[in-house]
Amino acid sequence: MAAILVAFAKIKDATKLQEYSSAAGPTIIAAGGSIVARGKLKVALAGSFDADSCLIVKFENVAAAQAWYQSPAYQALVPLRDQVMSPTFLVLEEPT
């Protein structure tokens, strides 16, 4: 069953964001993921939300999403990621 990874982030250092994004994108593709959408969050229709960007990625299944996140290639980027943003990663399983 396909999985959708949703990443929300509060950007801390916009000057390094492109460096992180350019390095992280290829790790997603190499793990079989495809970027569905990404962009700046513009409006909270209900409630409050402390993030300013969002990334949505489709993987073959939940295990593939977890494998990408835990991969040495992506984990090598975590120190840079943590300088750039405060992220939250969620994985949803698509309904059948």
N, C-alpha and C. Protein backbone atom coordinates (compact mmCIF):
# COMPACT_ATOMS: atom_id res chain seq x y z
N MET A 1 0.84 -1.17 0.00
CA MET A 1 0.00 0.00 0.00
C MET A 1 0.89 1.24 0.00
N ALA A 2 0.61 2.20 -0.86
CA ALA A 2 1.43 3.40 -0.98
C ALA A 2 1.40 4.21 0.32
N ALA A 3 2.47 4.95 0.53
CA ALA A 3 2.59 5.80 1.72
C ALA A 3 2.88 7.23 1.29
N ILE A 4 2.36 8.15 2.06
CA ILE A 4 2.59 9.57 1.84
C ILE A 4 3.35 10.12 3.03
N LEU A 5 4.52 10.68 2.77
CA LEU A 5 5.30 11.35 3.80
C LEU A 5 4.97 12.83 3.72
N VAL A 6 4.61 13.41 4.86
CA VAL A 6 4.33 14.84 4.94
C VAL A 6 5.33 15.44 5.92
N ALA A 7 6.07 16.42 5.45
CA ALA A 7 7.06 17.10 6.29
C ALA A 7 6.66 18.56 6.43
N PHE A 8 6.52 19.00 7.68
CA PHE A 8 6.27 20.41 7.97
C PHE A 8 7.54 20.96 8.60
N ALA A 9 7.87 22.20 8.31
CA ALA A 9 9.10 22.76 8.86
C ALA A 9 8.94 24.24 9.19
N LYS A 10 9.57 24.62 10.28
CA LYS A 10 9.75 26.02 10.63
C LYS A 10 11.19 26.35 10.24
N ILE A 11 11.35 27.23 9.27
CA ILE A 11 12.68 27.56 8.75
C ILE A 11 13.42 28.45 9.74
N LYS A 12 14.67 28.05 10.07
CA LYS A 12 15.51 28.81 10.99
C LYS A 12 16.60 29.58 10.25
N ASP A 13 17.07 29.05 9.12
CA ASP A 13 18.16 29.68 8.37
C ASP A 13 17.88 29.55 6.88
N ALA A 14 17.20 30.54 6.33
CA ALA A 14 16.81 30.50 4.91
C ALA A 14 18.02 30.52 3.98
N THR A 15 19.16 31.02 4.45
CA THR A 15 20.33 31.09 3.57
C THR A 15 20.89 29.71 3.26
N LYS A 16 20.67 28.73 4.14
CA LYS A 16 21.17 27.37 3.92
C LYS A 16 20.09 26.42 3.40
N LEU A 17 18.87 26.91 3.23
CA LEU A 17 17.76 26.06 2.81
C LEU A 17 18.01 25.41 1.46
N GLN A 18 18.51 26.18 0.49
CA GLN A 18 18.76 25.62 -0.84
C GLN A 18 19.84 24.54 -0.79
N GLU A 19 20.85 24.73 0.03
CA GLU A 19 21.91 23.72 0.18
C GLU A 19 21.31 22.40 0.69
N TYR A 20 20.47 22.49 1.70
CA TYR A 20 19.82 21.29 2.25
C TYR A 20 18.89 20.66 1.22
N SER A 21 18.04 21.47 0.61
CA SER A 21 17.06 20.94 -0.36
C SER A 21 17.75 20.27 -1.54
N SER A 22 18.82 20.87 -2.03
CA SER A 22 19.56 20.30 -3.17
C SER A 22 20.19 18.97 -2.82
N ALA A 23 20.58 18.79 -1.57
CA ALA A 23 21.19 17.54 -1.14
C ALA A 23 20.13 16.49 -0.78
N ALA A 24 19.03 16.92 -0.17
CA ALA A 24 18.00 15.97 0.28
C ALA A 24 17.18 15.41 -0.87
N GLY A 25 16.88 16.24 -1.86
CA GLY A 25 16.05 15.80 -2.98
C GLY A 25 16.54 14.53 -3.65
N PRO A 26 17.81 14.45 -4.01
CA PRO A 26 18.31 13.22 -4.64
C PRO A 26 18.21 11.98 -3.75
N THR A 27 18.26 12.15 -2.43
CA THR A 27 18.11 10.98 -1.55
C THR A 27 16.68 10.44 -1.61
N ILE A 28 15.72 11.33 -1.78
CA ILE A 28 14.32 10.91 -1.91
C ILE A 28 14.13 10.13 -3.20
N ILE A 29 14.64 10.66 -4.30
CA ILE A 29 14.52 10.01 -5.61
C ILE A 29 15.22 8.65 -5.59
N ALA A 30 16.42 8.60 -5.00
CA ALA A 30 17.18 7.35 -4.95
C ALA A 30 16.44 6.27 -4.15
N ALA A 31 15.61 6.70 -3.20
CA ALA A 31 14.86 5.75 -2.37
C ALA A 31 13.50 5.40 -2.98
N GLY A 32 13.26 5.86 -4.19
CA GLY A 32 12.01 5.53 -4.88
C GLY A 32 10.86 6.47 -4.58
N GLY A 33 11.14 7.57 -3.91
CA GLY A 33 10.10 8.54 -3.60
C GLY A 33 9.87 9.50 -4.75
N SER A 34 8.68 10.05 -4.81
CA SER A 34 8.39 11.09 -5.80
C SER A 34 7.73 12.27 -5.07
N ILE A 35 8.24 13.45 -5.36
CA ILE A 35 7.72 14.66 -4.71
C ILE A 35 6.38 15.00 -5.33
N VAL A 36 5.36 15.06 -4.49
CA VAL A 36 4.00 15.36 -4.93
C VAL A 36 3.75 16.86 -4.88
N ALA A 37 4.19 17.51 -3.81
CA ALA A 37 4.00 18.95 -3.65
C ALA A 37 4.99 19.48 -2.64
N ARG A 38 5.32 20.75 -2.80
CA ARG A 38 6.15 21.43 -1.80
C ARG A 38 5.89 22.92 -1.93
N GLY A 39 6.05 23.62 -0.84
CA GLY A 39 5.83 25.05 -0.90
C GLY A 39 5.72 25.67 0.48
N LYS A 40 5.52 26.99 0.45
CA LYS A 40 5.35 27.75 1.68
C LYS A 40 3.89 27.67 2.11
N LEU A 41 3.68 27.48 3.40
CA LEU A 41 2.32 27.49 3.93
C LEU A 41 1.84 28.93 3.98
N LYS A 42 0.65 29.16 3.48
CA LYS A 42 0.12 30.52 3.37
C LYS A 42 -0.98 30.84 4.36
N VAL A 43 -1.91 29.89 4.59
CA VAL A 43 -3.08 30.19 5.41
C VAL A 43 -3.44 28.98 6.26
N ALA A 44 -3.68 29.20 7.54
CA ALA A 44 -4.28 28.18 8.40
C ALA A 44 -5.77 28.47 8.45
N LEU A 45 -6.58 27.58 7.92
CA LEU A 45 -8.01 27.81 7.87
C LEU A 45 -8.69 27.60 9.22
N ALA A 46 -8.09 26.80 10.06
CA ALA A 46 -8.62 26.59 11.41
C ALA A 46 -7.46 26.31 12.34
N GLY A 47 -7.52 26.82 13.54
CA GLY A 47 -6.45 26.58 14.50
C GLY A 47 -5.19 27.36 14.17
N SER A 48 -4.13 27.03 14.88
CA SER A 48 -2.84 27.67 14.63
C SER A 48 -1.82 26.60 14.29
N PHE A 49 -0.79 27.01 13.57
CA PHE A 49 0.21 26.06 13.12
C PHE A 49 1.54 26.77 13.03
N ASP A 50 2.57 26.22 13.64
CA ASP A 50 3.87 26.88 13.68
C ASP A 50 4.84 26.24 12.70
N ALA A 51 4.50 26.31 11.43
CA ALA A 51 5.40 25.85 10.37
C ALA A 51 5.23 26.82 9.22
N ASP A 52 6.24 26.93 8.40
CA ASP A 52 6.10 27.83 7.25
C ASP A 52 6.37 27.15 5.92
N SER A 53 6.67 25.86 5.94
CA SER A 53 6.83 25.15 4.67
C SER A 53 6.35 23.70 4.82
N CYS A 54 6.06 23.09 3.67
CA CYS A 54 5.54 21.73 3.66
C CYS A 54 6.09 20.99 2.44
N LEU A 55 6.35 19.72 2.63
CA LEU A 55 6.79 18.83 1.55
C LEU A 55 5.94 17.57 1.63
N ILE A 56 5.44 17.11 0.48
CA ILE A 56 4.65 15.88 0.42
C ILE A 56 5.33 14.95 -0.58
N VAL A 57 5.64 13.73 -0.13
CA VAL A 57 6.36 12.75 -0.96
C VAL A 57 5.60 11.44 -0.94
N LYS A 58 5.50 10.80 -2.09
CA LYS A 58 4.85 9.49 -2.18
C LYS A 58 5.93 8.41 -2.28
N PHE A 59 5.78 7.37 -1.45
CA PHE A 59 6.66 6.20 -1.48
C PHE A 59 5.82 4.96 -1.77
N GLU A 60 6.49 3.89 -2.15
CA GLU A 60 5.80 2.63 -2.47
C GLU A 60 5.01 2.10 -1.28
N ASN A 61 5.59 2.25 -0.08
CA ASN A 61 4.93 1.78 1.13
C ASN A 61 5.57 2.45 2.34
N VAL A 62 5.02 2.18 3.51
CA VAL A 62 5.53 2.79 4.74
C VAL A 62 6.98 2.39 4.97
N ALA A 63 7.31 1.14 4.72
CA ALA A 63 8.69 0.67 4.92
C ALA A 63 9.67 1.45 4.05
N ALA A 64 9.28 1.78 2.83
CA ALA A 64 10.16 2.55 1.94
C ALA A 64 10.38 3.96 2.47
N ALA A 65 9.33 4.57 3.02
CA ALA A 65 9.47 5.90 3.61
C ALA A 65 10.41 5.86 4.82
N GLN A 66 10.24 4.85 5.65
CA GLN A 66 11.11 4.70 6.82
C GLN A 66 12.54 4.42 6.40
N ALA A 67 12.72 3.59 5.37
CA ALA A 67 14.06 3.27 4.89
C ALA A 67 14.76 4.52 4.37
N TRP A 68 14.02 5.37 3.66
CA TRP A 68 14.62 6.63 3.19
C TRP A 68 15.08 7.45 4.38
N TYR A 69 14.18 7.67 5.36
CA TYR A 69 14.51 8.52 6.50
C TYR A 69 15.72 7.99 7.27
N GLN A 70 15.81 6.68 7.41
CA GLN A 70 16.88 6.06 8.18
C GLN A 70 18.14 5.78 7.36
N SER A 71 18.10 6.06 6.07
CA SER A 71 19.24 5.74 5.20
C SER A 71 20.47 6.56 5.60
N PRO A 72 21.66 5.98 5.43
CA PRO A 72 22.88 6.73 5.71
C PRO A 72 22.96 8.03 4.89
N ALA A 73 22.49 8.00 3.66
CA ALA A 73 22.54 9.19 2.81
C ALA A 73 21.72 10.33 3.41
N TYR A 74 20.51 10.02 3.88
CA TYR A 74 19.70 11.09 4.47
C TYR A 74 20.19 11.45 5.87
N GLN A 75 20.54 10.47 6.67
CA GLN A 75 21.00 10.75 8.03
C GLN A 75 22.25 11.63 8.04
N ALA A 76 23.06 11.54 6.99
CA ALA A 76 24.24 12.41 6.89
C ALA A 76 23.84 13.88 6.77
N LEU A 77 22.61 14.14 6.32
CA LEU A 77 22.13 15.51 6.15
C LEU A 77 21.42 16.07 7.38
N VAL A 78 21.17 15.23 8.37
CA VAL A 78 20.41 15.67 9.54
C VAL A 78 21.08 16.84 10.27
N PRO A 79 22.39 16.87 10.47
CA PRO A 79 22.98 18.04 11.13
C PRO A 79 22.71 19.35 10.37
N LEU A 80 22.83 19.31 9.04
CA LEU A 80 22.52 20.49 8.24
C LEU A 80 21.03 20.82 8.34
N ARG A 81 20.18 19.80 8.22
CA ARG A 81 18.73 20.01 8.33
C ARG A 81 18.38 20.71 9.63
N ASP A 82 18.98 20.26 10.72
CA ASP A 82 18.66 20.82 12.02
C ASP A 82 19.16 22.25 12.19
N GLN A 83 20.16 22.66 11.41
CA GLN A 83 20.58 24.06 11.38
C GLN A 83 19.58 24.90 10.60
N VAL A 84 19.02 24.31 9.56
CA VAL A 84 18.14 25.02 8.63
C VAL A 84 16.71 25.13 9.14
N MET A 85 16.22 24.07 9.80
CA MET A 85 14.79 24.02 10.14
C MET A 85 14.52 23.19 11.38
N SER A 86 13.32 23.38 11.90
CA SER A 86 12.75 22.50 12.93
C SER A 86 11.63 21.73 12.24
N PRO A 87 11.87 20.45 11.90
CA PRO A 87 10.89 19.71 11.10
C PRO A 87 10.01 18.76 11.92
N THR A 88 8.91 18.40 11.31
CA THR A 88 8.05 17.32 11.78
C THR A 88 7.78 16.44 10.57
N PHE A 89 8.04 15.14 10.67
CA PHE A 89 7.80 14.20 9.59
C PHE A 89 6.68 13.24 10.00
N LEU A 90 5.72 13.07 9.13
CA LEU A 90 4.61 12.14 9.35
C LEU A 90 4.50 11.22 8.14
N VAL A 91 4.09 9.98 8.36
CA VAL A 91 3.87 9.05 7.25
C VAL A 91 2.44 8.53 7.35
N LEU A 92 1.71 8.67 6.26
CA LEU A 92 0.33 8.20 6.16
C LEU A 92 0.29 7.04 5.19
N GLU A 93 -0.56 6.08 5.47
CA GLU A 93 -0.76 4.98 4.53
C GLU A 93 -2.01 5.30 3.72
N GLU A 94 -1.88 5.24 2.38
CA GLU A 94 -3.03 5.52 1.53
C GLU A 94 -4.11 4.47 1.75
N PRO A 95 -5.36 4.88 1.76
CA PRO A 95 -6.43 3.90 1.92
C PRO A 95 -6.54 3.01 0.69
N THR A 96 -7.05 1.82 0.89
CA THR A 96 -7.21 0.89 -0.24
C THR A 96 -8.53 1.11 -0.94
